[in-house]
Protein backbone atom coordinates (compact mmCIF):
# COMPACT_ATOMS: atom_id res chain seq x y z
CA MET A 1 -8.34 267.08 184.59
CA ILE A 2 -10.04 270.35 184.50
CA ILE A 3 -13.79 270.50 186.56
CA SER A 4 -15.96 273.57 185.23
CA GLN A 5 -19.12 273.60 186.93
CA ILE A 6 -18.66 272.48 191.05
CA LYS A 7 -20.70 274.14 193.39
CA ALA A 8 -19.55 272.23 196.33
CA VAL A 9 -16.85 270.30 197.92
CA MET A 10 -17.21 267.05 200.21
CA LEU A 11 -14.66 266.94 203.06
CA PRO A 12 -14.31 264.03 205.10
CA VAL A 13 -12.86 265.20 208.24
CA ASP A 14 -10.57 262.12 209.19
CA GLY A 15 -7.32 262.20 207.13
CA VAL A 16 -7.84 265.30 205.48
CA LEU A 17 -8.82 268.09 208.11
CA VAL A 18 -7.29 266.52 210.77
CA ASP A 19 -4.14 263.98 211.45
CA SER A 20 -6.61 261.06 213.43
CA HIS A 21 -6.08 258.07 211.77
CA HIS A 22 -3.76 256.78 214.64
CA ALA A 23 -5.80 258.24 217.61
CA HIS A 24 -8.94 256.04 216.09
CA ALA A 25 -6.41 252.77 215.25
CA LEU A 26 -5.20 253.07 218.90
CA ALA A 27 -9.06 253.55 220.55
CA TRP A 28 -9.81 250.31 218.51
CA ARG A 29 -6.78 248.77 219.88
CA LEU A 30 -7.63 249.50 223.53
CA ALA A 31 -11.33 248.37 223.20
CA LEU A 32 -10.25 244.90 221.61
CA CYS A 33 -7.68 244.70 224.23
CA ALA A 34 -10.19 245.08 226.72
CA HIS A 35 -12.03 242.36 225.04
CA ARG A 36 -9.16 240.32 225.01
CA TYR A 37 -8.47 240.21 221.09
CA ASP A 38 -4.59 241.39 220.45
CA VAL A 39 -4.69 242.83 217.19
CA PRO A 40 -1.61 245.04 216.09
CA LEU A 41 -1.99 248.87 215.67
CA ARG A 42 -0.63 249.05 212.19
CA LYS A 43 -3.50 246.74 211.19
CA LEU A 44 -5.81 248.33 212.55
CA ARG A 45 -4.61 251.98 211.14
CA ARG A 46 -5.21 250.77 207.32
CA LEU A 47 -8.58 249.71 208.53
CA ILE A 48 -9.64 253.41 209.55
CA GLY A 49 -12.80 254.42 207.63
CA LEU A 50 -14.48 251.28 207.14
CA ARG A 51 -17.54 251.25 209.28
CA ALA A 52 -17.18 248.92 212.75
CA ASP A 53 -18.96 246.02 211.44
CA GLN A 54 -16.34 245.61 208.56
CA LEU A 55 -13.36 246.59 210.40
CA LEU A 56 -14.15 243.72 212.96
CA CYS A 57 -14.68 241.31 210.10
CA GLU A 58 -11.17 242.45 208.68
CA VAL A 59 -9.42 241.62 212.32
CA LEU A 60 -10.93 238.72 213.76
CA ASP A 61 -10.85 235.32 212.54
CA THR A 62 -14.59 234.67 213.99
CA PRO A 63 -17.88 236.39 213.53
CA LEU A 64 -18.80 237.71 216.82
CA PRO A 65 -21.96 237.84 218.54
CA ARG A 66 -23.94 240.63 218.21
CA HIS A 67 -23.83 241.87 221.66
CA THR A 68 -19.99 241.59 221.66
CA THR A 69 -19.58 243.58 218.42
CA GLN A 70 -21.79 246.39 220.48
CA SER A 71 -19.92 246.16 223.18
CA ILE A 72 -16.35 246.66 221.22
CA THR A 73 -17.68 249.77 219.37
CA GLN A 74 -19.37 251.40 222.35
CA LEU A 75 -16.57 251.09 224.61
CA ARG A 76 -14.12 252.34 221.27
CA HIS A 77 -16.30 255.43 220.95
CA GLN A 78 -15.99 256.24 224.81
CA LEU A 79 -12.12 255.39 224.53
CA PHE A 80 -11.82 257.76 221.55
CA LEU A 81 -13.84 260.64 222.78
CA GLY A 82 -12.34 260.56 226.13
CA GLU A 83 -8.53 259.52 225.80
CA THR A 84 -7.38 259.18 222.25
CA ILE A 85 -8.85 262.09 220.27
CA HIS A 86 -6.58 264.47 222.54
CA GLN A 87 -3.56 263.85 220.67
CA ILE A 88 -5.11 264.76 217.63
CA ARG A 89 -3.71 267.96 215.25
CA PRO A 90 -5.00 269.45 212.12
CA PHE A 91 -2.91 269.61 209.04
CA PRO A 92 -1.22 272.50 208.23
CA LEU A 93 -2.98 275.47 206.71
CA VAL A 94 -6.20 273.65 207.07
CA PRO A 95 -8.07 277.12 207.71
CA ALA A 96 -6.43 278.82 204.65
CA LEU A 97 -7.42 276.03 202.63
CA LEU A 98 -10.99 276.25 203.43
CA ALA A 99 -10.83 279.76 203.31
CA ARG A 100 -9.53 279.59 199.83
CA MET A 101 -12.39 277.29 198.65
CA HIS A 102 -14.77 279.63 200.00
CA ASP A 103 -13.60 282.23 198.74
CA ALA A 104 -14.06 280.54 195.18
CA GLY A 105 -17.66 280.43 195.86
CA LEU A 106 -17.30 276.35 196.84
CA ARG A 107 -19.73 275.13 199.43
CA LEU A 108 -17.81 272.91 201.75
CA VAL A 109 -19.88 270.12 203.18
CA VAL A 110 -19.21 267.29 205.57
CA GLY A 111 -21.73 264.21 206.88
CA ASP A 112 -22.85 263.59 210.02
CA PHE A 113 -24.41 261.14 211.70
CA SER A 114 -26.76 261.69 214.49
CA ASN A 115 -24.87 264.93 215.41
CA ASP A 116 -22.18 263.23 216.10
CA ALA A 117 -19.81 264.75 219.31
CA ALA A 118 -16.79 263.36 217.79
CA LEU A 119 -17.17 265.36 214.69
CA THR A 120 -18.11 268.35 216.96
CA GLN A 121 -14.26 268.23 218.53
CA LEU A 122 -12.77 267.46 215.32
CA LEU A 123 -14.20 270.15 213.25
CA ALA A 124 -12.68 272.29 216.33
CA ILE A 125 -9.58 270.91 216.28
CA ALA A 126 -9.50 271.96 212.81
CA ASP A 127 -10.71 275.32 212.98
CA ALA A 128 -13.33 274.41 210.52
CA THR A 129 -16.66 275.05 212.05
CA GLU A 130 -17.89 278.35 210.71
CA ARG A 131 -16.42 277.47 207.60
CA VAL A 132 -17.85 273.80 207.03
CA GLU A 133 -21.82 272.74 206.41
CA ARG A 134 -22.81 269.53 208.43
CA LEU A 135 -25.24 267.42 206.50
CA CYS A 136 -27.15 265.41 208.79
CA LEU A 137 -27.02 261.73 207.43
CA PRO A 138 -29.24 258.45 208.52
CA GLY A 139 -27.53 256.21 211.22
CA GLU A 140 -24.69 256.26 213.45
CA PRO A 141 -21.42 256.96 212.37
CA GLU A 142 -19.73 253.17 213.49
CA GLN A 143 -22.95 251.62 211.58
CA ALA A 144 -24.03 253.36 208.52
CA THR A 145 -24.98 251.62 205.50
CA GLY A 146 -24.99 252.32 202.05
CA ASN A 147 -22.98 255.03 200.78
CA PRO A 148 -22.59 258.31 202.46
CA VAL A 149 -21.33 260.51 199.35
CA ILE A 150 -24.75 259.43 197.61
CA SER A 151 -26.58 260.31 200.75
CA ALA A 152 -25.05 263.61 200.45
CA LEU A 153 -25.96 264.53 196.97
CA VAL A 154 -29.58 263.64 197.90
CA GLN A 155 -29.68 266.33 200.40
CA LEU A 156 -27.74 269.04 198.63
CA GLY A 157 -30.03 268.24 195.28
CA TYR A 158 -26.83 268.23 193.48
CA THR A 159 -25.89 265.76 190.49
CA PRO A 160 -22.29 263.90 190.71
CA THR A 161 -20.90 266.61 187.95
CA ASP A 162 -21.83 269.36 190.71
CA VAL A 163 -19.21 268.07 193.19
CA VAL A 164 -15.87 267.07 194.01
CA MET A 165 -14.80 265.13 197.18
CA VAL A 166 -11.29 265.44 198.83
CA GLY A 167 -10.20 262.36 200.32
CA SER A 168 -7.13 260.41 201.80
CA THR A 169 -7.75 256.92 201.60
CA PRO A 170 -8.85 254.14 199.52
CA TYR A 171 -12.09 253.86 201.02
CA HIS A 172 -12.72 257.39 200.04
CA CYS A 173 -12.01 256.87 196.46
CA HIS A 174 -14.58 253.39 196.20
CA ALA A 175 -17.26 255.91 197.62
CA ALA A 176 -16.79 258.56 195.65
CA GLU A 177 -16.02 256.48 192.66
CA ARG A 178 -19.34 254.34 193.41
CA ALA A 179 -21.46 257.72 193.28
CA GLY A 180 -19.98 258.76 190.36
CA VAL A 181 -18.19 261.81 192.15
CA PRO A 182 -14.34 262.68 191.15
CA LEU A 183 -11.90 262.99 193.81
CA ILE A 184 -8.40 264.68 194.49
CA ALA A 185 -6.42 262.64 197.05
CA LEU A 186 -3.93 263.49 199.87
CA ARG A 187 -1.40 261.38 200.54
CA CYS A 188 -1.44 262.14 204.22
CA GLY A 189 -3.84 259.55 205.00
CA GLY A 190 -0.98 257.07 204.95
CA TRP A 191 -1.73 255.45 201.85
CA GLU A 192 0.57 254.76 198.85
CA ASP A 193 -0.32 256.47 195.65
CA GLY A 194 -1.10 253.39 193.83
CA HIS A 195 -4.05 252.80 196.06
CA LEU A 196 -5.03 256.24 195.68
CA SER A 197 -5.01 255.96 191.50
CA ARG A 198 -8.48 256.49 190.87
CA ALA A 199 -8.11 260.27 191.70
CA ILE A 200 -8.18 263.10 189.49
CA ALA A 201 -5.35 264.90 191.28
CA LEU A 202 -2.98 264.27 193.81
CA TYR A 203 -1.33 266.23 196.66
CA ASP A 204 0.44 265.72 199.48
CA ASP A 205 -1.92 267.61 201.90
CA PRO A 206 -3.94 270.22 202.52
CA ALA A 207 -1.03 272.85 202.65
CA ASP A 208 0.21 271.28 198.99
CA LEU A 209 -3.32 271.76 197.23
CA LEU A 210 -3.71 275.08 198.66
CA ALA A 211 -0.05 275.92 197.04
CA ASN A 212 -1.58 274.63 194.22
CA PHE A 213 -4.90 275.46 194.01
CA ALA A 214 -4.95 277.76 191.06
CA THR A 215 -3.75 275.22 188.70
CA SER A 216 -5.96 272.21 190.78
CA PRO A 217 -9.22 271.09 189.51
CA LEU A 218 -10.97 273.42 192.19
CA GLY A 219 -9.02 276.37 191.18
CA VAL A 220 -9.11 276.33 187.31
CA ARG A 221 -12.77 277.53 186.57
CA PRO A 222 -14.49 279.91 184.10
């Protein structure tokens, strides 16, 4: 698929710029274990990308009181920033891909919930701080409601045909589809191709997208 009028690329950081799903899942597991809920790491890893309340509903048999949900969520955030974030590494050639997109005249944006401290660190890990524009989205990163893709479109003043999203999970695919935004999928998020079938193009990781940039939907431009 060729898109001719792209103005911007939406870039979720987790699973796209940095290999962070394991670190997020581990922080969730540690927080849940601290509250006496033993949830396998592999199950949590498949749920990274959901809101906190959605994730907890998926992994626990019974609904939790609001104060317990908040306690687990806050501890998870603390453990992620204090412990597990330090094991995260960028995917290969991320800075080179961002530079190529920028040189192609594309605006690179990422949603930012309340000046999220974790996002600041993740962008630094990816060496993306100078290339990527942070859009302030309403709410908190763990409890955001609505569709962040639509919120970003409103802030940018763009229509869905002006934007492409790069994602690596079914959750990215669903958010992009609901907003009417085409999505380029990367396999590096750990999902099988069947879960990414709604994407307009599919690549292994940022390095693969860079290697094939000229023939990708981002590179084939008038």
